[in-house]
Amino acid sequence: MFDNIKIIKKYDPAAKSILEIILCYPGLHALWLHKVSHILYLCKIPILPRMINYFTRFLTGIDIHPGAQIESGVFIDHGTGVVIGETSIVGSGTLIFQGVTLGGTGKESGKRHPTIGKNVVIGAGAKVLGNILIEDHVRVGAGSVVMRNVPKGCTVVGIPGKVVKASDQALMEEQMLDHNQMPDPIAKVFSVLLEKVETQQHLINQLFEKQRKWEENQSTAPDTPKTKPEDERIIQEFIHGDGI
């Protein structure tokens, strides 16, 4: 249980003291109460685990099913709207922000919720759905919807979630909260398209310039051939090259 306090102190600059963390962090209270309900759940005691779960949701705004397996050292920041399903597994060092859902995708039985590895960051409002594996040191961007396995060290953004950055190296501690460093796949696509348009425009300008020079030569020397090898090269490059 003290691992949860340590990770809050480590990653939350707003945490001024251990006493403040113990008294004022709903994510910590939810995890502590979940430990109690989970033990009762494993002992197959009826009703009581769900009643503790209901009380915890009323108190903290965080809904963790008693059956979920959550290791020590997990940080639920702010926490309002967080939902963690019955067969979810969450590894140590994981950061979960408000509005996150670790849910299922239907009425299937058995393992139907995600498995989250160690040192994973799940941004605000992200939805991780189904019996999938999010491996260690993954970052899930805010508002993403992830429904497929994510390899170790990757960054996932978008709806549906797509891997936009892959790395074999673990996230450094100072990178865990760098949400502003999330790649933007849409911006990357527009950058590529802009580069293509600029290439086309350059080739068109070359063609116009060659045409202008050819017309000037025709007016002064009528016997000049209609096309030159250089002109044909530029035309072929425009039609068959990277410009199209």
Protein backbone atom coordinates (compact mmCIF):
# COMPACT_ATOMS: atom_id res chain seq x y z
CA MET A 1 0.00 0.00 0.00
CA PHE A 2 2.88 2.36 0.73
CA ASP A 3 4.06 1.90 -2.87
CA ASN A 4 0.98 3.84 -3.97
CA ILE A 5 2.00 6.77 -1.77
CA LYS A 6 5.55 6.66 -3.13
CA ILE A 7 4.46 6.83 -6.77
CA ILE A 8 2.12 9.74 -6.05
CA LYS A 9 4.93 11.61 -4.33
CA LYS A 10 7.22 10.79 -7.24
CA TYR A 11 5.03 11.89 -10.15
CA ASP A 12 2.61 14.49 -8.78
CA PRO A 13 4.20 17.91 -8.22
CA ALA A 14 1.02 19.01 -6.41
CA ALA A 15 1.64 16.52 -3.60
CA LYS A 16 3.18 18.64 -0.83
CA SER A 17 3.32 16.06 1.95
CA ILE A 18 2.56 12.45 2.76
CA LEU A 19 -0.24 13.54 5.08
CA GLU A 20 -1.89 15.46 2.24
CA ILE A 21 -1.62 12.40 0.00
CA ILE A 22 -3.23 10.15 2.60
CA LEU A 23 -6.09 12.52 3.34
CA CYS A 24 -6.83 14.19 0.00
CA TYR A 25 -6.17 11.75 -2.89
CA PRO A 26 -9.33 9.87 -3.99
CA GLY A 27 -7.29 7.59 -6.26
CA LEU A 28 -5.36 6.35 -3.25
CA HIS A 29 -8.54 5.82 -1.22
CA ALA A 30 -10.11 3.89 -4.10
CA LEU A 31 -7.11 1.57 -4.37
CA TRP A 32 -7.03 0.93 -0.63
CA LEU A 33 -10.72 0.12 -0.47
CA HIS A 34 -10.32 -2.05 -3.57
CA LYS A 35 -7.68 -4.12 -1.75
CA VAL A 36 -10.30 -4.94 0.90
CA SER A 37 -13.06 -5.73 -1.60
CA HIS A 38 -10.68 -7.84 -3.73
CA ILE A 39 -9.71 -10.02 -0.75
CA LEU A 40 -13.38 -10.57 0.09
CA TYR A 41 -14.06 -11.31 -3.60
CA LEU A 42 -11.34 -13.96 -3.65
CA CYS A 43 -12.87 -15.47 -0.51
CA LYS A 44 -16.14 -15.74 -2.46
CA ILE A 45 -18.06 -13.68 0.10
CA PRO A 46 -21.29 -12.55 -1.61
CA ILE A 47 -22.65 -9.01 -1.85
CA LEU A 48 -20.18 -7.36 0.53
CA PRO A 49 -17.38 -6.81 -2.04
CA ARG A 50 -19.84 -5.11 -4.40
CA MET A 51 -21.19 -2.98 -1.57
CA ILE A 52 -17.66 -1.77 -0.83
CA ASN A 53 -17.23 -1.11 -4.55
CA TYR A 54 -20.48 0.89 -4.57
CA PHE A 55 -19.42 2.92 -1.52
CA THR A 56 -16.00 3.58 -3.09
CA ARG A 57 -17.59 4.84 -6.30
CA PHE A 58 -19.87 7.14 -4.28
CA LEU A 59 -16.93 8.43 -2.23
CA THR A 60 -14.28 8.85 -4.95
CA GLY A 61 -16.01 8.74 -8.35
CA ILE A 62 -13.81 5.73 -9.24
CA ASP A 63 -15.42 2.39 -10.14
CA ILE A 64 -13.11 -0.60 -9.67
CA HIS A 65 -14.74 -4.01 -9.80
CA PRO A 66 -13.71 -6.19 -6.83
CA GLY A 67 -12.40 -8.83 -9.24
CA ALA A 68 -9.82 -6.56 -10.89
CA GLN A 69 -6.19 -7.39 -10.14
CA ILE A 70 -4.19 -4.25 -9.39
CA GLU A 71 -0.56 -4.44 -8.29
CA SER A 72 0.97 -2.08 -5.74
CA GLY A 73 2.48 1.16 -6.98
CA VAL A 74 -0.40 2.27 -9.26
CA PHE A 75 -1.32 5.97 -9.41
CA ILE A 76 -4.88 7.04 -10.33
CA ASP A 77 -4.59 10.81 -10.76
CA HIS A 78 -7.75 12.85 -10.06
CA GLY A 79 -9.69 9.70 -10.83
CA THR A 80 -13.19 10.97 -11.55
CA GLY A 81 -14.88 8.71 -14.09
CA VAL A 82 -12.26 5.94 -14.02
CA VAL A 83 -13.81 2.49 -14.63
CA ILE A 84 -11.82 -0.74 -14.25
CA GLY A 85 -13.61 -3.96 -15.18
CA GLU A 86 -13.78 -7.29 -13.39
CA THR A 87 -11.04 -9.19 -15.26
CA SER A 88 -8.67 -6.27 -15.73
CA ILE A 89 -5.04 -6.64 -14.66
CA VAL A 90 -2.96 -3.52 -13.97
CA GLY A 91 0.80 -3.68 -13.45
CA SER A 92 2.87 -1.66 -11.00
CA GLY A 93 4.08 1.81 -11.93
CA THR A 94 1.03 2.49 -14.12
CA LEU A 95 -0.41 6.01 -14.26
CA ILE A 96 -4.14 6.29 -14.94
CA PHE A 97 -5.77 9.68 -15.46
CA GLN A 98 -9.39 10.78 -15.12
CA GLY A 99 -12.06 9.36 -17.41
CA VAL A 100 -10.11 6.20 -18.31
CA THR A 101 -12.06 2.99 -18.99
CA LEU A 102 -10.56 -0.48 -18.88
CA GLY A 103 -13.63 -2.23 -20.20
CA GLY A 104 -15.01 -5.11 -22.22
CA THR A 105 -16.47 -5.16 -25.71
CA GLY A 106 -19.58 -7.30 -25.25
CA LYS A 107 -21.23 -10.01 -23.19
CA GLU A 108 -18.45 -12.57 -23.53
CA SER A 109 -17.52 -14.52 -20.40
CA GLY A 110 -14.09 -15.27 -18.96
CA LYS A 111 -11.20 -12.86 -19.47
CA ARG A 112 -12.85 -9.93 -21.24
CA HIS A 113 -10.95 -6.89 -19.97
CA PRO A 114 -7.44 -5.62 -20.79
CA THR A 115 -4.14 -6.55 -19.19
CA ILE A 116 -1.95 -3.52 -18.55
CA GLY A 117 1.80 -4.01 -18.15
CA LYS A 118 4.22 -2.14 -15.91
CA ASN A 119 4.99 1.58 -16.13
CA VAL A 120 2.18 2.32 -18.58
CA VAL A 121 0.70 5.82 -18.92
CA ILE A 122 -2.99 5.99 -19.90
CA GLY A 123 -4.06 9.55 -20.73
CA ALA A 124 -7.28 11.25 -19.68
CA GLY A 125 -10.43 9.90 -21.31
CA ALA A 126 -8.71 6.95 -23.00
CA LYS A 127 -10.68 3.73 -23.49
CA VAL A 128 -8.86 0.38 -23.50
CA LEU A 129 -11.40 -2.28 -24.47
CA GLY A 130 -11.45 -6.05 -24.67
CA ASN A 131 -9.14 -8.89 -23.72
CA ILE A 132 -6.00 -7.24 -25.06
CA LEU A 133 -2.45 -6.82 -23.79
CA ILE A 134 -0.85 -3.43 -23.31
CA GLU A 135 2.78 -4.28 -22.71
CA ASP A 136 5.28 -2.48 -20.47
CA HIS A 137 6.29 1.17 -20.97
CA VAL A 138 3.42 2.01 -23.34
CA ARG A 139 1.89 5.49 -23.55
CA VAL A 140 -1.79 5.79 -24.52
CA GLY A 141 -2.74 9.29 -25.65
CA ALA A 142 -5.65 11.17 -24.10
CA GLY A 143 -9.00 10.33 -25.70
CA SER A 144 -7.67 7.30 -27.59
CA VAL A 145 -9.68 4.11 -28.06
CA VAL A 146 -7.46 1.02 -28.00
CA MET A 147 -8.86 -2.36 -29.00
CA ARG A 148 -5.74 -4.24 -30.13
CA ASN A 149 -2.56 -5.44 -28.45
CA VAL A 150 0.18 -2.83 -28.10
CA PRO A 151 3.85 -3.93 -28.08
CA LYS A 152 6.34 -2.82 -25.47
CA GLY A 153 7.57 0.76 -25.55
CA CYS A 154 5.03 2.07 -28.09
CA THR A 155 2.94 5.23 -28.15
CA VAL A 156 -0.71 4.90 -29.21
CA VAL A 157 -3.05 7.73 -30.22
CA GLY A 158 -6.33 8.17 -32.10
CA ILE A 159 -9.68 6.47 -32.65
CA PRO A 160 -9.16 3.62 -33.16
CA GLY A 161 -5.76 3.66 -31.47
CA LYS A 162 -2.77 3.41 -33.80
CA VAL A 163 0.87 2.96 -32.94
CA VAL A 164 2.60 6.17 -33.98
CA LYS A 165 5.90 5.65 -32.24
CA ALA A 166 7.74 2.45 -31.38
CA SER A 167 10.82 2.09 -29.24
CA ASP A 168 12.61 -0.80 -27.54
CA GLN A 169 13.80 1.52 -24.80
CA ALA A 170 11.85 2.06 -21.60
CA LEU A 171 10.42 5.48 -20.87
CA MET A 172 12.65 7.60 -18.70
CA GLU A 173 11.02 8.75 -15.47
CA GLU A 174 11.04 12.38 -16.61
CA GLN A 175 9.21 11.37 -19.82
CA MET A 176 6.28 9.67 -18.08
CA LEU A 177 4.22 12.87 -17.88
CA ASP A 178 5.35 14.49 -21.14
CA HIS A 179 1.91 14.42 -22.78
CA ASN A 180 2.93 17.37 -24.97
CA GLN A 181 5.45 15.10 -26.69
CA MET A 182 2.79 12.82 -28.17
CA PRO A 183 3.26 12.47 -31.96
CA ASP A 184 0.57 13.93 -34.23
CA PRO A 185 -0.09 11.51 -37.13
CA ILE A 186 -2.48 13.94 -38.88
CA ALA A 187 0.12 16.70 -38.88
CA LYS A 188 2.63 14.22 -40.31
CA VAL A 189 0.27 13.33 -43.18
CA PHE A 190 -0.29 17.01 -44.02
CA SER A 191 3.46 17.58 -43.96
CA VAL A 192 3.99 14.81 -46.52
CA LEU A 193 1.17 16.14 -48.73
CA LEU A 194 2.60 19.67 -48.56
CA GLU A 195 5.98 18.37 -49.63
CA LYS A 196 4.39 16.61 -52.62
CA VAL A 197 2.49 19.76 -53.64
CA GLU A 198 5.66 21.84 -53.45
CA THR A 199 7.49 19.29 -55.63
CA GLN A 200 4.70 19.40 -58.23
CA GLN A 201 4.67 23.19 -58.21
CA HIS A 202 8.44 23.28 -58.76
CA LEU A 203 8.17 20.95 -61.77
CA ILE A 204 5.27 22.96 -63.23
CA ASN A 205 7.29 26.17 -62.89
CA GLN A 206 10.17 24.50 -64.71
CA LEU A 207 7.84 23.45 -67.53
CA PHE A 208 6.42 26.97 -67.91
CA GLU A 209 9.92 28.45 -67.94
CA LYS A 210 11.07 25.98 -70.59
CA GLN A 211 7.95 26.68 -72.64
CA ARG A 212 8.57 30.42 -72.45
CA LYS A 213 12.17 30.02 -73.58
CA TRP A 214 11.17 27.67 -76.39
CA GLU A 215 8.56 30.16 -77.68
CA GLU A 216 11.19 32.94 -77.63
CA ASN A 217 13.57 30.74 -79.62
CA GLN A 218 10.81 29.88 -82.10
CA SER A 219 10.13 33.52 -82.76
CA THR A 220 13.82 34.21 -83.53
CA ALA A 221 14.74 30.89 -85.14
CA PRO A 222 11.80 29.18 -86.89
CA ASP A 223 13.87 26.09 -87.75
CA THR A 224 14.47 25.22 -84.06
CA PRO A 225 13.16 21.73 -83.25
CA LYS A 226 9.76 21.72 -81.54
CA THR A 227 10.99 19.85 -78.48
CA LYS A 228 14.35 19.47 -76.84
CA PRO A 229 15.70 16.48 -74.94
CA GLU A 230 15.79 18.59 -71.76
CA ASP A 231 12.11 19.47 -72.18
CA GLU A 232 11.16 15.85 -72.63
CA ARG A 233 13.14 14.86 -69.54
CA ILE A 234 11.25 17.35 -67.36
CA ILE A 235 7.88 16.30 -68.80
CA GLN A 236 8.61 12.61 -68.18
CA GLU A 237 9.82 13.38 -64.66
CA PHE A 238 6.60 15.25 -63.95
CA ILE A 239 4.35 12.49 -65.31
CA HIS A 240 6.17 9.40 -64.02
CA GLY A 241 8.25 10.69 -61.15
CA ASP A 242 7.50 11.64 -57.55
CA GLY A 243 5.64 14.74 -58.64
CA ILE A 244 2.44 12.76 -59.35
